[in-house]
All heavy atoms as atom14 arrays in JSON, in Angstrom:
{
  "sequence": "KRNPNSQKTPVPNVEKMLKQLGELPVQLIDLDGDGTAE",
  "atom14_mask": [
    [1, 1, 1, 1, 1, 1, 1, 1, 1, 0, 0, 0, 0, 0],
    [1, 1, 1, 1, 1, 1, 1, 1, 1, 1, 1, 0, 0, 0],
    [1, 1, 1, 1, 1, 1, 1, 1, 0, 0, 0, 0, 0, 0],
    [1, 1, 1, 1, 1, 1, 1, 0, 0, 0, 0, 0, 0, 0],
    [1, 1, 1, 1, 1, 1, 1, 1, 0, 0, 0, 0, 0, 0],
    [1, 1, 1, 1, 1, 1, 0, 0, 0, 0, 0, 0, 0, 0],
    [1, 1, 1, 1, 1, 1, 1, 1, 1, 0, 0, 0, 0, 0],
    [1, 1, 1, 1, 1, 1, 1, 1, 1, 0, 0, 0, 0, 0],
    [1, 1, 1, 1, 1, 1, 1, 0, 0, 0, 0, 0, 0, 0],
    [1, 1, 1, 1, 1, 1, 1, 0, 0, 0, 0, 0, 0, 0],
    [1, 1, 1, 1, 1, 1, 1, 0, 0, 0, 0, 0, 0, 0],
    [1, 1, 1, 1, 1, 1, 1, 0, 0, 0, 0, 0, 0, 0],
    [1, 1, 1, 1, 1, 1, 1, 1, 0, 0, 0, 0, 0, 0],
    [1, 1, 1, 1, 1, 1, 1, 0, 0, 0, 0, 0, 0, 0],
    [1, 1, 1, 1, 1, 1, 1, 1, 1, 0, 0, 0, 0, 0],
    [1, 1, 1, 1, 1, 1, 1, 1, 1, 0, 0, 0, 0, 0],
    [1, 1, 1, 1, 1, 1, 1, 1, 0, 0, 0, 0, 0, 0],
    [1, 1, 1, 1, 1, 1, 1, 1, 0, 0, 0, 0, 0, 0],
    [1, 1, 1, 1, 1, 1, 1, 1, 1, 0, 0, 0, 0, 0],
    [1, 1, 1, 1, 1, 1, 1, 1, 1, 0, 0, 0, 0, 0],
    [1, 1, 1, 1, 1, 1, 1, 1, 0, 0, 0, 0, 0, 0],
    [1, 1, 1, 1, 0, 0, 0, 0, 0, 0, 0, 0, 0, 0],
    [1, 1, 1, 1, 1, 1, 1, 1, 1, 0, 0, 0, 0, 0],
    [1, 1, 1, 1, 1, 1, 1, 1, 0, 0, 0, 0, 0, 0],
    [1, 1, 1, 1, 1, 1, 1, 0, 0, 0, 0, 0, 0, 0],
    [1, 1, 1, 1, 1, 1, 1, 0, 0, 0, 0, 0, 0, 0],
    [1, 1, 1, 1, 1, 1, 1, 1, 1, 0, 0, 0, 0, 0],
    [1, 1, 1, 1, 1, 1, 1, 1, 0, 0, 0, 0, 0, 0],
    [1, 1, 1, 1, 1, 1, 1, 1, 0, 0, 0, 0, 0, 0],
    [1, 1, 1, 1, 1, 1, 1, 1, 0, 0, 0, 0, 0, 0],
    [1, 1, 1, 1, 1, 1, 1, 1, 0, 0, 0, 0, 0, 0],
    [1, 1, 1, 1, 1, 1, 1, 1, 0, 0, 0, 0, 0, 0],
    [1, 1, 1, 1, 0, 0, 0, 0, 0, 0, 0, 0, 0, 0],
    [1, 1, 1, 1, 1, 1, 1, 1, 0, 0, 0, 0, 0, 0],
    [1, 1, 1, 1, 0, 0, 0, 0, 0, 0, 0, 0, 0, 0],
    [1, 1, 1, 1, 1, 1, 1, 0, 0, 0, 0, 0, 0, 0],
    [1, 1, 1, 1, 1, 0, 0, 0, 0, 0, 0, 0, 0, 0],
    [1, 1, 1, 1, 1, 1, 1, 1, 1, 0, 0, 0, 0, 0]
  ],
  "atom14_positions": [
    [[13.67, 9.1, 19.24], [12.67, 10.13, 19.72], [13.25, 11.15, 20.68], [12.61, 12.17, 20.98], [11.49, 9.42, 20.28], [10.72, 8.51, 19.35], [9.64, 7.72, 20.0], [8.94, 6.82, 19.01], [7.85, 5.94, 19.63], [0.0, 0.0, 0.0], [0.0, 0.0, 0.0], [0.0, 0.0, 0.0], [0.0, 0.0, 0.0], [0.0, 0.0, 0.0]],
    [[14.4, 10.83, 21.16], [15.05, 11.77, 22.07], [16.42, 12.3, 21.5], [17.28, 12.72, 22.15], [15.48, 11.02, 23.43], [14.27, 10.82, 24.29], [13.67, 12.13, 24.81], [12.5, 11.95, 25.72], [11.29, 11.93, 25.26], [11.01, 12.1, 24.03], [10.35, 11.85, 26.13], [0.0, 0.0, 0.0], [0.0, 0.0, 0.0], [0.0, 0.0, 0.0]],
    [[16.43, 12.27, 20.12], [17.58, 12.82, 19.4], [17.24, 14.25, 19.01], [16.29, 14.5, 18.19], [17.88, 11.96, 18.16], [19.14, 12.41, 17.4], [19.69, 13.42, 17.75], [19.5, 11.61, 16.49], [0.0, 0.0, 0.0], [0.0, 0.0, 0.0], [0.0, 0.0, 0.0], [0.0, 0.0, 0.0], [0.0, 0.0, 0.0], [0.0, 0.0, 0.0]],
    [[17.88, 15.25, 19.5], [17.64, 16.67, 19.23], [17.96, 17.04, 17.77], [17.46, 18.09, 17.32], [18.44, 17.5, 20.19], [19.54, 16.61, 20.51], [19.07, 15.17, 20.44], [0.0, 0.0, 0.0], [0.0, 0.0, 0.0], [0.0, 0.0, 0.0], [0.0, 0.0, 0.0], [0.0, 0.0, 0.0], [0.0, 0.0, 0.0], [0.0, 0.0, 0.0]],
    [[18.75, 16.25, 17.13], [19.07, 16.57, 15.76], [17.87, 16.27, 14.89], [17.2, 15.28, 15.05], [20.24, 15.67, 15.27], [21.46, 15.95, 16.03], [21.77, 17.1, 16.52], [22.29, 14.93, 16.29], [0.0, 0.0, 0.0], [0.0, 0.0, 0.0], [0.0, 0.0, 0.0], [0.0, 0.0, 0.0], [0.0, 0.0, 0.0], [0.0, 0.0, 0.0]],
    [[17.6, 17.2, 13.89], [16.42, 17.04, 13.01], [16.63, 15.88, 12.06], [15.69, 15.23, 11.66], [16.18, 18.3, 12.27], [17.3, 18.72, 11.49], [0.0, 0.0, 0.0], [0.0, 0.0, 0.0], [0.0, 0.0, 0.0], [0.0, 0.0, 0.0], [0.0, 0.0, 0.0], [0.0, 0.0, 0.0], [0.0, 0.0, 0.0], [0.0, 0.0, 0.0]],
    [[17.87, 15.6, 11.74], [18.12, 14.53, 10.74], [18.18, 13.15, 11.44], [19.05, 12.94, 12.32], [19.39, 14.75, 9.99], [19.65, 13.78, 8.93], [20.93, 14.08, 8.1], [21.63, 15.03, 8.38], [21.27, 13.18, 7.16], [0.0, 0.0, 0.0], [0.0, 0.0, 0.0], [0.0, 0.0, 0.0], [0.0, 0.0, 0.0], [0.0, 0.0, 0.0]],
    [[17.21, 12.31, 11.14], [17.17, 11.03, 11.77], [18.0, 9.97, 11.0], [18.02, 9.92, 9.71], [15.73, 10.45, 11.88], [14.81, 11.44, 12.52], [15.17, 11.71, 14.03], [14.19, 12.61, 14.71], [14.61, 12.95, 16.09], [0.0, 0.0, 0.0], [0.0, 0.0, 0.0], [0.0, 0.0, 0.0], [0.0, 0.0, 0.0], [0.0, 0.0, 0.0]],
    [[18.76, 9.18, 11.79], [19.65, 8.17, 11.09], [18.86, 6.87, 10.76], [17.94, 6.58, 11.6], [20.82, 7.91, 11.93], [20.39, 7.36, 13.2], [21.65, 9.1, 12.18], [0.0, 0.0, 0.0], [0.0, 0.0, 0.0], [0.0, 0.0, 0.0], [0.0, 0.0, 0.0], [0.0, 0.0, 0.0], [0.0, 0.0, 0.0], [0.0, 0.0, 0.0]],
    [[19.18, 6.18, 9.7], [18.48, 4.91, 9.44], [18.82, 3.9, 10.43], [19.96, 4.01, 11.11], [18.9, 4.61, 8.01], [20.22, 5.32, 7.82], [20.17, 6.58, 8.6], [0.0, 0.0, 0.0], [0.0, 0.0, 0.0], [0.0, 0.0, 0.0], [0.0, 0.0, 0.0], [0.0, 0.0, 0.0], [0.0, 0.0, 0.0], [0.0, 0.0, 0.0]],
    [[18.08, 2.81, 10.53], [18.32, 1.75, 11.43], [19.55, 0.98, 10.96], [19.47, 0.46, 9.82], [17.16, 0.83, 11.6], [17.49, -0.33, 12.54], [15.94, 1.54, 12.09], [0.0, 0.0, 0.0], [0.0, 0.0, 0.0], [0.0, 0.0, 0.0], [0.0, 0.0, 0.0], [0.0, 0.0, 0.0], [0.0, 0.0, 0.0], [0.0, 0.0, 0.0]],
    [[20.65, 0.87, 11.71], [21.78, 0.12, 11.3], [21.53, -1.32, 11.29], [20.44, -1.82, 11.77], [22.87, 0.54, 12.32], [22.24, 1.64, 13.12], [20.78, 1.48, 13.06], [0.0, 0.0, 0.0], [0.0, 0.0, 0.0], [0.0, 0.0, 0.0], [0.0, 0.0, 0.0], [0.0, 0.0, 0.0], [0.0, 0.0, 0.0], [0.0, 0.0, 0.0]],
    [[22.54, -2.16, 10.95], [22.37, -3.61, 10.99], [22.55, -4.04, 12.45], [22.93, -3.28, 13.37], [23.48, -4.31, 10.13], [24.85, -4.0, 10.49], [25.21, -3.96, 11.7], [25.67, -3.82, 9.48], [0.0, 0.0, 0.0], [0.0, 0.0, 0.0], [0.0, 0.0, 0.0], [0.0, 0.0, 0.0], [0.0, 0.0, 0.0], [0.0, 0.0, 0.0]],
    [[22.19, -5.25, 12.75], [22.1, -5.79, 14.13], [23.45, -5.73, 14.76], [23.58, -5.37, 15.95], [21.54, -7.25, 14.11], [21.74, -7.89, 15.49], [20.05, -7.26, 13.71], [0.0, 0.0, 0.0], [0.0, 0.0, 0.0], [0.0, 0.0, 0.0], [0.0, 0.0, 0.0], [0.0, 0.0, 0.0], [0.0, 0.0, 0.0], [0.0, 0.0, 0.0]],
    [[24.52, -6.15, 14.02], [25.86, -6.15, 14.64], [26.25, -4.74, 15.1], [26.8, -4.57, 16.18], [26.83, -6.69, 13.64], [26.76, -8.18, 13.32], [25.55, -8.52, 12.43], [25.02, -7.57, 11.77], [25.15, -9.7, 12.35], [0.0, 0.0, 0.0], [0.0, 0.0, 0.0], [0.0, 0.0, 0.0], [0.0, 0.0, 0.0], [0.0, 0.0, 0.0]],
    [[26.02, -3.73, 14.26], [26.36, -2.37, 14.7], [25.56, -1.9, 15.81], [26.09, -1.17, 16.75], [26.19, -1.45, 13.46], [26.66, -0.01, 13.7], [26.55, 0.87, 12.46], [27.03, 2.27, 12.72], [26.89, 3.16, 11.55], [0.0, 0.0, 0.0], [0.0, 0.0, 0.0], [0.0, 0.0, 0.0], [0.0, 0.0, 0.0], [0.0, 0.0, 0.0]],
    [[24.28, -2.17, 15.82], [23.41, -1.73, 16.99], [23.83, -2.43, 18.22], [23.9, -1.79, 19.32], [21.92, -2.08, 16.63], [21.31, -1.17, 15.68], [19.52, -1.41, 15.53], [19.47, -3.03, 14.8], [0.0, 0.0, 0.0], [0.0, 0.0, 0.0], [0.0, 0.0, 0.0], [0.0, 0.0, 0.0], [0.0, 0.0, 0.0], [0.0, 0.0, 0.0]],
    [[24.19, -3.71, 18.18], [24.63, -4.42, 19.34], [25.87, -3.88, 19.9], [26.13, -3.71, 21.13], [24.71, -5.93, 19.12], [25.0, -6.83, 20.32], [23.88, -6.71, 21.32], [25.15, -8.27, 19.89], [0.0, 0.0, 0.0], [0.0, 0.0, 0.0], [0.0, 0.0, 0.0], [0.0, 0.0, 0.0], [0.0, 0.0, 0.0], [0.0, 0.0, 0.0]],
    [[26.8, -3.47, 19.02], [28.04, -2.87, 19.49], [27.82, -1.5, 20.12], [28.47, -1.1, 21.11], [28.91, -2.67, 18.24], [30.35, -2.13, 18.55], [31.26, -2.12, 17.35], [32.62, -1.55, 17.71], [33.59, -1.5, 16.53], [0.0, 0.0, 0.0], [0.0, 0.0, 0.0], [0.0, 0.0, 0.0], [0.0, 0.0, 0.0], [0.0, 0.0, 0.0]],
    [[26.94, -0.71, 19.54], [26.63, 0.68, 20.01], [25.73, 0.67, 21.3], [25.86, 1.49, 22.15], [25.93, 1.52, 18.94], [25.89, 2.94, 19.3], [25.6, 3.76, 18.06], [25.59, 3.3, 16.89], [25.42, 5.11, 18.18], [0.0, 0.0, 0.0], [0.0, 0.0, 0.0], [0.0, 0.0, 0.0], [0.0, 0.0, 0.0], [0.0, 0.0, 0.0]],
    [[24.82, -0.33, 21.41], [23.87, -0.33, 22.55], [24.17, -1.39, 23.57], [23.45, -1.61, 24.51], [22.42, -0.5, 22.02], [21.95, 0.42, 20.93], [20.56, 0.1, 20.44], [22.03, 1.85, 21.43], [0.0, 0.0, 0.0], [0.0, 0.0, 0.0], [0.0, 0.0, 0.0], [0.0, 0.0, 0.0], [0.0, 0.0, 0.0], [0.0, 0.0, 0.0]],
    [[25.21, -2.28, 23.27], [25.46, -3.41, 24.09], [25.75, -3.15, 25.6], [25.56, -4.11, 26.38], [0.0, 0.0, 0.0], [0.0, 0.0, 0.0], [0.0, 0.0, 0.0], [0.0, 0.0, 0.0], [0.0, 0.0, 0.0], [0.0, 0.0, 0.0], [0.0, 0.0, 0.0], [0.0, 0.0, 0.0], [0.0, 0.0, 0.0], [0.0, 0.0, 0.0]],
    [[26.22, -1.95, 25.89], [26.51, -1.61, 27.34], [25.36, -1.05, 28.08], [25.49, -0.8, 29.29], [27.76, -0.76, 27.38], [29.0, -1.41, 26.87], [29.35, -2.73, 27.59], [29.25, -2.74, 28.85], [29.61, -3.74, 26.91], [0.0, 0.0, 0.0], [0.0, 0.0, 0.0], [0.0, 0.0, 0.0], [0.0, 0.0, 0.0], [0.0, 0.0, 0.0]],
    [[24.21, -0.82, 27.4], [23.07, -0.23, 28.2], [22.62, -1.21, 29.18], [22.62, -2.43, 29.0], [21.96, 0.07, 27.18], [22.17, 1.2, 26.17], [20.96, 1.37, 25.24], [22.48, 2.5, 26.88], [0.0, 0.0, 0.0], [0.0, 0.0, 0.0], [0.0, 0.0, 0.0], [0.0, 0.0, 0.0], [0.0, 0.0, 0.0], [0.0, 0.0, 0.0]],
    [[22.16, -0.66, 30.35], [21.75, -1.57, 31.47], [20.41, -2.21, 31.2], [19.49, -1.59, 30.75], [21.68, -0.63, 32.69], [21.39, 0.69, 32.09], [22.06, 0.78, 30.76], [0.0, 0.0, 0.0], [0.0, 0.0, 0.0], [0.0, 0.0, 0.0], [0.0, 0.0, 0.0], [0.0, 0.0, 0.0], [0.0, 0.0, 0.0], [0.0, 0.0, 0.0]],
    [[20.28, -3.44, 31.63], [19.08, -4.27, 31.42], [18.77, -5.03, 32.81], [19.69, -5.45, 33.47], [19.25, -5.28, 30.31], [18.15, -6.29, 30.36], [19.25, -4.58, 28.95], [0.0, 0.0, 0.0], [0.0, 0.0, 0.0], [0.0, 0.0, 0.0], [0.0, 0.0, 0.0], [0.0, 0.0, 0.0], [0.0, 0.0, 0.0], [0.0, 0.0, 0.0]],
    [[17.49, -5.1, 33.07], [17.03, -5.92, 34.17], [15.99, -6.88, 33.68], [15.17, -6.53, 32.85], [16.41, -5.04, 35.31], [17.42, -4.08, 35.92], [16.74, -3.21, 36.96], [15.65, -2.71, 36.77], [17.51, -2.82, 37.99], [0.0, 0.0, 0.0], [0.0, 0.0, 0.0], [0.0, 0.0, 0.0], [0.0, 0.0, 0.0], [0.0, 0.0, 0.0]],
    [[16.04, -8.14, 34.18], [15.03, -9.18, 33.79], [14.13, -9.46, 34.93], [14.53, -9.8, 36.04], [15.82, -10.42, 33.34], [16.74, -10.33, 32.15], [17.44, -11.59, 31.88], [15.96, -9.9, 30.85], [0.0, 0.0, 0.0], [0.0, 0.0, 0.0], [0.0, 0.0, 0.0], [0.0, 0.0, 0.0], [0.0, 0.0, 0.0], [0.0, 0.0, 0.0]],
    [[12.82, -9.34, 34.7], [11.83, -9.5, 35.7], [10.52, -9.84, 35.03], [10.08, -9.28, 34.04], [11.69, -8.37, 36.67], [10.67, -8.66, 37.76], [11.32, -7.02, 35.92], [10.64, -7.54, 38.89], [0.0, 0.0, 0.0], [0.0, 0.0, 0.0], [0.0, 0.0, 0.0], [0.0, 0.0, 0.0], [0.0, 0.0, 0.0], [0.0, 0.0, 0.0]],
    [[9.79, -10.85, 35.62], [8.5, -11.18, 35.11], [7.42, -10.2, 35.6], [7.09, -10.17, 36.8], [8.08, -12.65, 35.62], [6.78, -13.14, 34.98], [6.23, -12.43, 34.13], [6.27, -14.17, 35.5], [0.0, 0.0, 0.0], [0.0, 0.0, 0.0], [0.0, 0.0, 0.0], [0.0, 0.0, 0.0], [0.0, 0.0, 0.0], [0.0, 0.0, 0.0]],
    [[6.91, -9.44, 34.69], [5.97, -8.37, 35.03], [4.49, -8.7, 34.57], [3.59, -8.01, 34.97], [6.38, -7.03, 34.47], [7.67, -6.4, 35.04], [8.11, -5.26, 34.27], [7.43, -6.04, 36.52], [0.0, 0.0, 0.0], [0.0, 0.0, 0.0], [0.0, 0.0, 0.0], [0.0, 0.0, 0.0], [0.0, 0.0, 0.0], [0.0, 0.0, 0.0]],
    [[4.34, -9.69, 33.65], [2.97, -9.95, 33.17], [2.47, -11.31, 33.68], [1.35, -11.78, 33.32], [2.95, -9.98, 31.64], [3.89, -10.96, 30.98], [4.48, -11.77, 31.77], [4.05, -10.93, 29.74], [0.0, 0.0, 0.0], [0.0, 0.0, 0.0], [0.0, 0.0, 0.0], [0.0, 0.0, 0.0], [0.0, 0.0, 0.0], [0.0, 0.0, 0.0]],
    [[3.28, -12.06, 34.53], [2.87, -13.28, 35.16], [2.77, -14.48, 34.3], [2.12, -15.45, 34.62], [0.0, 0.0, 0.0], [0.0, 0.0, 0.0], [0.0, 0.0, 0.0], [0.0, 0.0, 0.0], [0.0, 0.0, 0.0], [0.0, 0.0, 0.0], [0.0, 0.0, 0.0], [0.0, 0.0, 0.0], [0.0, 0.0, 0.0], [0.0, 0.0, 0.0]],
    [[3.46, -14.5, 33.14], [3.44, -15.57, 32.25], [4.52, -16.58, 32.48], [4.74, -17.53, 31.79], [3.41, -15.17, 30.79], [4.76, -14.47, 30.31], [5.57, -14.21, 31.21], [4.92, -14.21, 29.13], [0.0, 0.0, 0.0], [0.0, 0.0, 0.0], [0.0, 0.0, 0.0], [0.0, 0.0, 0.0], [0.0, 0.0, 0.0], [0.0, 0.0, 0.0]],
    [[5.41, -16.28, 33.5], [6.5, -17.22, 33.8], [7.79, -16.93, 33.06], [8.81, -17.57, 33.31], [0.0, 0.0, 0.0], [0.0, 0.0, 0.0], [0.0, 0.0, 0.0], [0.0, 0.0, 0.0], [0.0, 0.0, 0.0], [0.0, 0.0, 0.0], [0.0, 0.0, 0.0], [0.0, 0.0, 0.0], [0.0, 0.0, 0.0], [0.0, 0.0, 0.0]],
    [[7.79, -15.93, 32.16], [9.04, -15.61, 31.42], [9.3, -14.12, 31.73], [8.44, -13.27, 31.98], [8.77, -15.72, 29.91], [7.72, -14.84, 29.47], [8.62, -17.17, 29.5], [0.0, 0.0, 0.0], [0.0, 0.0, 0.0], [0.0, 0.0, 0.0], [0.0, 0.0, 0.0], [0.0, 0.0, 0.0], [0.0, 0.0, 0.0], [0.0, 0.0, 0.0]],
    [[10.62, -13.83, 31.86], [11.05, -12.49, 32.29], [10.94, -11.54, 31.12], [11.17, -11.77, 29.93], [12.48, -12.55, 32.74], [0.0, 0.0, 0.0], [0.0, 0.0, 0.0], [0.0, 0.0, 0.0], [0.0, 0.0, 0.0], [0.0, 0.0, 0.0], [0.0, 0.0, 0.0], [0.0, 0.0, 0.0], [0.0, 0.0, 0.0], [0.0, 0.0, 0.0]],
    [[10.44, -10.26, 31.45], [10.5, -9.14, 30.55], [11.84, -8.44, 30.59], [12.6, -8.53, 31.65], [9.38, -8.17, 30.84], [8.05, -8.57, 30.28], [7.46, -9.86, 30.83], [7.29, -9.96, 32.04], [7.17, -10.81, 30.03], [0.0, 0.0, 0.0], [0.0, 0.0, 0.0], [0.0, 0.0, 0.0], [0.0, 0.0, 0.0], [0.0, 0.0, 0.0]]
  ]
}
């Protein structure tokens, strides 16, 4: 949704996505109070 190119790429397989997105920053914190982290 933040890709300025009009042509959208199909969803790759999990291995390719993990390789491409694996370095994105993540934080784990319980925000809904169910005892598990979001």
